[in-house]
Amino acid sequence: SDGSIRLHQMTSEYPLMQWNDSTRGQPIIALQWALTRPAVFFALDASSNIYIWDLLENDLLPVAKQTIPSEKVSTMTLLGEPEKANGLLGMVLAKESGEIDIQYVKKKWALP
């Protein structure tokens, strides 16, 4: 609810990494690891901002931020085939109006 993200190992109650105020205080409403690239995850905040984290490139801050200006996004999920090395990774955004938007992620964040 405060924009903090914690990365945990299943065998410990303490986080391996923690990023406080990663969304400038906006609640995170969806977070998902990339299906095709294990070091990348995406976070959606309550203001319809999508943050892209690539832990191999930068483990302190997101490597990119994209605002969806047209309408509030209520949730997101990722599409991809991890068993294929084609690097296709899609992002499905569900908007409050009921509209669904599908976008492809840049190859640099999708390739294994």
N, C-alpha and C. Protein backbone atom coordinates (compact mmCIF):
# COMPACT_ATOMS: atom_id res chain seq x y z
N SER A 1 0.81 -1.22 0.00
CA SER A 1 0.00 0.00 0.00
C SER A 1 0.85 1.27 0.00
N ASP A 2 2.14 1.16 0.35
CA ASP A 2 2.99 2.37 0.40
C ASP A 2 4.00 2.43 -0.74
N GLY A 3 3.92 1.48 -1.69
CA GLY A 3 4.85 1.48 -2.81
C GLY A 3 6.13 0.70 -2.56
N SER A 4 6.23 0.04 -1.42
CA SER A 4 7.43 -0.75 -1.12
C SER A 4 7.35 -2.10 -1.83
N ILE A 5 8.52 -2.58 -2.26
CA ILE A 5 8.63 -3.90 -2.88
C ILE A 5 9.69 -4.66 -2.10
N ARG A 6 9.39 -5.92 -1.79
CA ARG A 6 10.35 -6.77 -1.08
C ARG A 6 10.55 -8.06 -1.87
N LEU A 7 11.79 -8.46 -2.00
CA LEU A 7 12.14 -9.71 -2.67
C LEU A 7 12.55 -10.71 -1.60
N HIS A 8 11.79 -11.80 -1.52
CA HIS A 8 12.03 -12.81 -0.48
C HIS A 8 12.53 -14.11 -1.08
N GLN A 9 13.30 -14.81 -0.28
CA GLN A 9 13.67 -16.19 -0.55
C GLN A 9 12.70 -17.04 0.26
N MET A 10 12.26 -18.14 -0.28
CA MET A 10 11.24 -18.96 0.38
C MET A 10 11.68 -19.49 1.74
N THR A 11 12.97 -19.57 1.99
CA THR A 11 13.46 -20.17 3.23
C THR A 11 13.71 -19.15 4.34
N SER A 12 13.40 -17.88 4.10
CA SER A 12 13.69 -16.86 5.11
C SER A 12 12.54 -15.87 5.22
N GLU A 13 12.29 -15.43 6.43
CA GLU A 13 11.25 -14.42 6.62
C GLU A 13 11.75 -13.02 6.31
N TYR A 14 13.06 -12.86 6.18
CA TYR A 14 13.64 -11.55 5.91
C TYR A 14 13.88 -11.37 4.41
N PRO A 15 13.61 -10.19 3.86
CA PRO A 15 13.79 -9.99 2.42
C PRO A 15 15.26 -9.97 2.02
N LEU A 16 15.54 -10.48 0.82
CA LEU A 16 16.88 -10.38 0.23
C LEU A 16 17.15 -8.94 -0.19
N MET A 17 16.12 -8.29 -0.73
CA MET A 17 16.20 -6.89 -1.16
C MET A 17 14.89 -6.22 -0.78
N GLN A 18 14.98 -4.92 -0.57
CA GLN A 18 13.77 -4.14 -0.29
C GLN A 18 13.93 -2.78 -0.91
N TRP A 19 12.90 -2.35 -1.63
CA TRP A 19 12.90 -1.04 -2.25
C TRP A 19 11.75 -0.25 -1.65
N ASN A 20 12.07 0.72 -0.81
CA ASN A 20 11.05 1.55 -0.19
C ASN A 20 10.68 2.69 -1.13
N ASP A 21 9.42 3.06 -1.09
CA ASP A 21 8.93 4.21 -1.86
C ASP A 21 9.26 4.07 -3.35
N SER A 22 9.18 2.86 -3.87
CA SER A 22 9.54 2.62 -5.27
C SER A 22 8.58 3.29 -6.25
N THR A 23 7.38 3.65 -5.78
CA THR A 23 6.38 4.28 -6.63
C THR A 23 6.00 5.67 -6.11
N ARG A 24 6.89 6.25 -5.33
CA ARG A 24 6.63 7.57 -4.71
C ARG A 24 5.35 7.57 -3.88
N GLY A 25 5.15 6.46 -3.18
CA GLY A 25 4.03 6.38 -2.24
C GLY A 25 2.74 5.84 -2.81
N GLN A 26 2.67 5.62 -4.13
CA GLN A 26 1.44 5.09 -4.73
C GLN A 26 1.34 3.59 -4.43
N PRO A 27 0.16 3.11 -4.08
CA PRO A 27 0.00 1.67 -3.85
C PRO A 27 0.29 0.87 -5.12
N ILE A 28 0.89 -0.28 -4.94
CA ILE A 28 1.13 -1.19 -6.05
C ILE A 28 -0.08 -2.10 -6.17
N ILE A 29 -0.66 -2.15 -7.37
CA ILE A 29 -1.86 -2.98 -7.54
C ILE A 29 -1.60 -4.25 -8.32
N ALA A 30 -0.44 -4.35 -8.99
CA ALA A 30 -0.07 -5.58 -9.68
C ALA A 30 1.45 -5.63 -9.81
N LEU A 31 1.99 -6.83 -9.67
CA LEU A 31 3.44 -7.04 -9.83
C LEU A 31 3.62 -8.43 -10.40
N GLN A 32 4.46 -8.53 -11.45
CA GLN A 32 4.67 -9.84 -12.05
C GLN A 32 6.06 -9.93 -12.65
N TRP A 33 6.68 -11.10 -12.46
CA TRP A 33 7.97 -11.40 -13.09
C TRP A 33 7.75 -11.63 -14.57
N ALA A 34 8.72 -11.24 -15.38
CA ALA A 34 8.69 -11.54 -16.81
C ALA A 34 8.76 -13.05 -16.99
N LEU A 35 7.97 -13.56 -17.89
CA LEU A 35 7.92 -15.00 -18.11
C LEU A 35 9.12 -15.50 -18.91
N THR A 36 9.76 -14.61 -19.65
CA THR A 36 10.84 -15.00 -20.54
C THR A 36 12.22 -14.56 -20.06
N ARG A 37 12.28 -13.71 -19.06
CA ARG A 37 13.56 -13.20 -18.56
C ARG A 37 13.48 -13.09 -17.03
N PRO A 38 14.06 -14.02 -16.30
CA PRO A 38 13.87 -14.10 -14.85
C PRO A 38 14.34 -12.90 -14.03
N ALA A 39 15.22 -12.07 -14.54
CA ALA A 39 15.72 -10.93 -13.76
C ALA A 39 14.86 -9.69 -13.90
N VAL A 40 13.77 -9.77 -14.65
CA VAL A 40 12.93 -8.61 -14.94
C VAL A 40 11.56 -8.79 -14.31
N PHE A 41 11.07 -7.73 -13.66
CA PHE A 41 9.68 -7.73 -13.20
C PHE A 41 9.04 -6.38 -13.46
N PHE A 42 7.72 -6.37 -13.46
CA PHE A 42 6.93 -5.20 -13.78
C PHE A 42 6.00 -4.91 -12.61
N ALA A 43 5.86 -3.64 -12.27
CA ALA A 43 4.94 -3.23 -11.20
C ALA A 43 4.01 -2.15 -11.74
N LEU A 44 2.73 -2.27 -11.42
CA LEU A 44 1.72 -1.30 -11.80
C LEU A 44 1.25 -0.61 -10.53
N ASP A 45 1.28 0.74 -10.52
CA ASP A 45 0.79 1.45 -9.33
C ASP A 45 -0.62 1.98 -9.56
N ALA A 46 -1.21 2.53 -8.53
CA ALA A 46 -2.59 3.00 -8.57
C ALA A 46 -2.80 4.21 -9.47
N SER A 47 -1.72 4.86 -9.91
CA SER A 47 -1.82 6.00 -10.82
C SER A 47 -1.57 5.60 -12.27
N SER A 48 -1.65 4.31 -12.57
CA SER A 48 -1.46 3.78 -13.92
C SER A 48 -0.05 3.99 -14.46
N ASN A 49 0.93 3.91 -13.57
CA ASN A 49 2.33 3.92 -13.97
C ASN A 49 2.85 2.49 -13.93
N ILE A 50 3.58 2.11 -14.98
CA ILE A 50 4.21 0.79 -15.02
C ILE A 50 5.71 0.98 -14.85
N TYR A 51 6.27 0.29 -13.88
CA TYR A 51 7.70 0.36 -13.59
C TYR A 51 8.33 -0.95 -14.05
N ILE A 52 9.42 -0.84 -14.79
CA ILE A 52 10.14 -2.01 -15.26
C ILE A 52 11.45 -2.10 -14.50
N TRP A 53 11.64 -3.22 -13.84
CA TRP A 53 12.86 -3.48 -13.07
C TRP A 53 13.66 -4.57 -13.77
N ASP A 54 14.91 -4.31 -14.07
CA ASP A 54 15.83 -5.31 -14.61
C ASP A 54 16.98 -5.41 -13.62
N LEU A 55 16.96 -6.42 -12.78
CA LEU A 55 17.93 -6.53 -11.69
C LEU A 55 19.35 -6.76 -12.18
N LEU A 56 19.52 -7.22 -13.42
CA LEU A 56 20.86 -7.37 -13.97
C LEU A 56 21.44 -6.02 -14.42
N GLU A 57 20.56 -5.09 -14.76
CA GLU A 57 21.00 -3.77 -15.20
C GLU A 57 21.14 -2.79 -14.03
N ASN A 58 20.16 -2.82 -13.13
CA ASN A 58 20.16 -1.89 -11.99
C ASN A 58 19.31 -2.52 -10.88
N ASP A 59 19.92 -2.79 -9.75
CA ASP A 59 19.14 -3.40 -8.65
C ASP A 59 18.71 -2.38 -7.60
N LEU A 60 18.90 -1.10 -7.89
CA LEU A 60 18.49 -0.04 -6.96
C LEU A 60 17.22 0.69 -7.38
N LEU A 61 17.03 0.83 -8.70
CA LEU A 61 15.91 1.62 -9.23
C LEU A 61 15.31 0.93 -10.45
N PRO A 62 14.07 1.26 -10.79
CA PRO A 62 13.53 0.72 -12.04
C PRO A 62 14.33 1.27 -13.23
N VAL A 63 14.43 0.48 -14.30
CA VAL A 63 15.16 0.91 -15.49
C VAL A 63 14.27 1.72 -16.43
N ALA A 64 12.95 1.64 -16.23
CA ALA A 64 12.03 2.41 -17.06
C ALA A 64 10.71 2.60 -16.33
N LYS A 65 10.01 3.65 -16.73
CA LYS A 65 8.67 3.92 -16.20
C LYS A 65 7.81 4.37 -17.36
N GLN A 66 6.62 3.80 -17.46
CA GLN A 66 5.69 4.17 -18.53
C GLN A 66 4.35 4.52 -17.89
N THR A 67 3.84 5.71 -18.20
CA THR A 67 2.54 6.13 -17.71
C THR A 67 1.50 5.85 -18.78
N ILE A 68 0.39 5.29 -18.37
CA ILE A 68 -0.74 5.06 -19.27
C ILE A 68 -1.71 6.22 -19.06
N PRO A 69 -1.66 7.25 -19.91
CA PRO A 69 -2.37 8.49 -19.64
C PRO A 69 -3.87 8.48 -19.96
N SER A 70 -4.30 7.64 -20.89
CA SER A 70 -5.66 7.76 -21.39
C SER A 70 -6.74 7.40 -20.39
N GLU A 71 -6.49 6.40 -19.60
CA GLU A 71 -7.52 5.91 -18.69
C GLU A 71 -6.87 5.09 -17.58
N LYS A 72 -7.52 5.03 -16.43
CA LYS A 72 -6.95 4.29 -15.31
C LYS A 72 -6.91 2.79 -15.59
N VAL A 73 -5.73 2.21 -15.33
CA VAL A 73 -5.54 0.77 -15.50
C VAL A 73 -5.83 0.09 -14.17
N SER A 74 -6.68 -0.93 -14.19
CA SER A 74 -7.07 -1.59 -12.94
C SER A 74 -6.21 -2.81 -12.63
N THR A 75 -5.63 -3.45 -13.65
CA THR A 75 -4.73 -4.56 -13.41
C THR A 75 -3.92 -4.85 -14.66
N MET A 76 -2.90 -5.68 -14.49
CA MET A 76 -2.05 -6.08 -15.62
C MET A 76 -1.61 -7.51 -15.41
N THR A 77 -1.29 -8.16 -16.52
CA THR A 77 -0.68 -9.48 -16.49
C THR A 77 0.23 -9.59 -17.71
N LEU A 78 1.12 -10.55 -17.68
CA LEU A 78 2.07 -10.73 -18.77
C LEU A 78 1.78 -12.02 -19.52
N LEU A 79 2.05 -11.99 -20.82
CA LEU A 79 1.90 -13.15 -21.70
C LEU A 79 3.26 -13.49 -22.29
N GLY A 80 3.56 -14.73 -22.40
CA GLY A 80 4.82 -15.14 -23.02
C GLY A 80 4.96 -16.64 -22.95
N GLU A 81 5.94 -17.13 -23.70
CA GLU A 81 6.22 -18.56 -23.72
C GLU A 81 7.66 -18.76 -23.29
N PRO A 82 7.89 -19.05 -22.01
CA PRO A 82 9.25 -19.16 -21.51
C PRO A 82 10.08 -20.24 -22.19
N GLU A 83 9.42 -21.26 -22.74
CA GLU A 83 10.16 -22.34 -23.38
C GLU A 83 10.67 -21.97 -24.77
N LYS A 84 10.20 -20.85 -25.33
CA LYS A 84 10.67 -20.39 -26.63
C LYS A 84 11.63 -19.22 -26.45
N ALA A 85 12.68 -19.20 -27.25
CA ALA A 85 13.72 -18.17 -27.12
C ALA A 85 13.48 -16.99 -28.07
N ASN A 86 12.22 -16.80 -28.52
CA ASN A 86 11.95 -15.72 -29.47
C ASN A 86 11.84 -14.35 -28.80
N GLY A 87 11.77 -14.32 -27.49
CA GLY A 87 11.75 -13.05 -26.77
C GLY A 87 10.44 -12.30 -26.86
N LEU A 88 9.36 -12.96 -27.25
CA LEU A 88 8.07 -12.27 -27.29
C LEU A 88 7.46 -12.26 -25.89
N LEU A 89 7.20 -11.06 -25.42
CA LEU A 89 6.59 -10.88 -24.11
C LEU A 89 5.53 -9.81 -24.25
N GLY A 90 4.30 -10.14 -23.92
CA GLY A 90 3.20 -9.19 -24.03
C GLY A 90 2.69 -8.79 -22.66
N MET A 91 2.14 -7.60 -22.62
CA MET A 91 1.56 -7.08 -21.39
C MET A 91 0.08 -6.78 -21.66
N VAL A 92 -0.78 -7.36 -20.84
CA VAL A 92 -2.21 -7.13 -20.97
C VAL A 92 -2.63 -6.16 -19.88
N LEU A 93 -3.24 -5.06 -20.29
CA LEU A 93 -3.70 -4.04 -19.35
C LEU A 93 -5.22 -3.99 -19.38
N ALA A 94 -5.84 -4.14 -18.22
CA ALA A 94 -7.29 -4.03 -18.11
C ALA A 94 -7.62 -2.65 -17.55
N LYS A 95 -8.42 -1.91 -18.29
CA LYS A 95 -8.78 -0.55 -17.89
C LYS A 95 -10.12 -0.54 -17.18
N GLU A 96 -10.38 0.51 -16.41
CA GLU A 96 -11.62 0.58 -15.63
C GLU A 96 -12.87 0.54 -16.49
N SER A 97 -12.78 0.98 -17.74
CA SER A 97 -13.94 0.96 -18.65
C SER A 97 -14.27 -0.45 -19.13
N GLY A 98 -13.37 -1.40 -18.87
CA GLY A 98 -13.54 -2.76 -19.36
C GLY A 98 -12.72 -3.03 -20.61
N GLU A 99 -12.09 -2.00 -21.15
CA GLU A 99 -11.25 -2.16 -22.33
C GLU A 99 -9.98 -2.91 -21.96
N ILE A 100 -9.54 -3.78 -22.86
CA ILE A 100 -8.31 -4.54 -22.69
C ILE A 100 -7.30 -4.03 -23.73
N ASP A 101 -6.09 -3.77 -23.29
CA ASP A 101 -5.03 -3.29 -24.17
C ASP A 101 -3.86 -4.27 -24.07
N ILE A 102 -3.37 -4.72 -25.22
CA ILE A 102 -2.23 -5.63 -25.25
C ILE A 102 -1.07 -4.92 -25.92
N GLN A 103 0.07 -4.89 -25.23
CA GLN A 103 1.27 -4.25 -25.77
C GLN A 103 2.43 -5.23 -25.66
N TYR A 104 3.35 -5.13 -26.61
CA TYR A 104 4.55 -5.96 -26.56
C TYR A 104 5.66 -5.21 -25.84
N VAL A 105 6.45 -5.94 -25.08
CA VAL A 105 7.57 -5.39 -24.32
C VAL A 105 8.80 -5.40 -25.21
N LYS A 106 9.65 -4.38 -25.06
CA LYS A 106 10.89 -4.32 -25.84
C LYS A 106 11.70 -5.59 -25.62
N LYS A 107 12.37 -6.00 -26.69
CA LYS A 107 13.16 -7.25 -26.66
C LYS A 107 14.21 -7.24 -25.55
N LYS A 108 14.80 -6.07 -25.25
CA LYS A 108 15.86 -6.05 -24.24
C LYS A 108 15.38 -6.46 -22.86
N TRP A 109 14.07 -6.36 -22.60
CA TRP A 109 13.52 -6.81 -21.33
C TRP A 109 12.81 -8.14 -21.45
N ALA A 110 12.80 -8.72 -22.64
CA ALA A 110 12.08 -9.97 -22.86
C ALA A 110 12.97 -11.15 -23.23
N LEU A 111 14.10 -10.90 -23.88
CA LEU A 111 14.96 -12.00 -24.31
C LEU A 111 15.61 -12.69 -23.13
N PRO A 112 15.66 -14.04 -23.18
CA PRO A 112 16.29 -14.77 -22.07
C PRO A 112 17.77 -14.47 -21.94
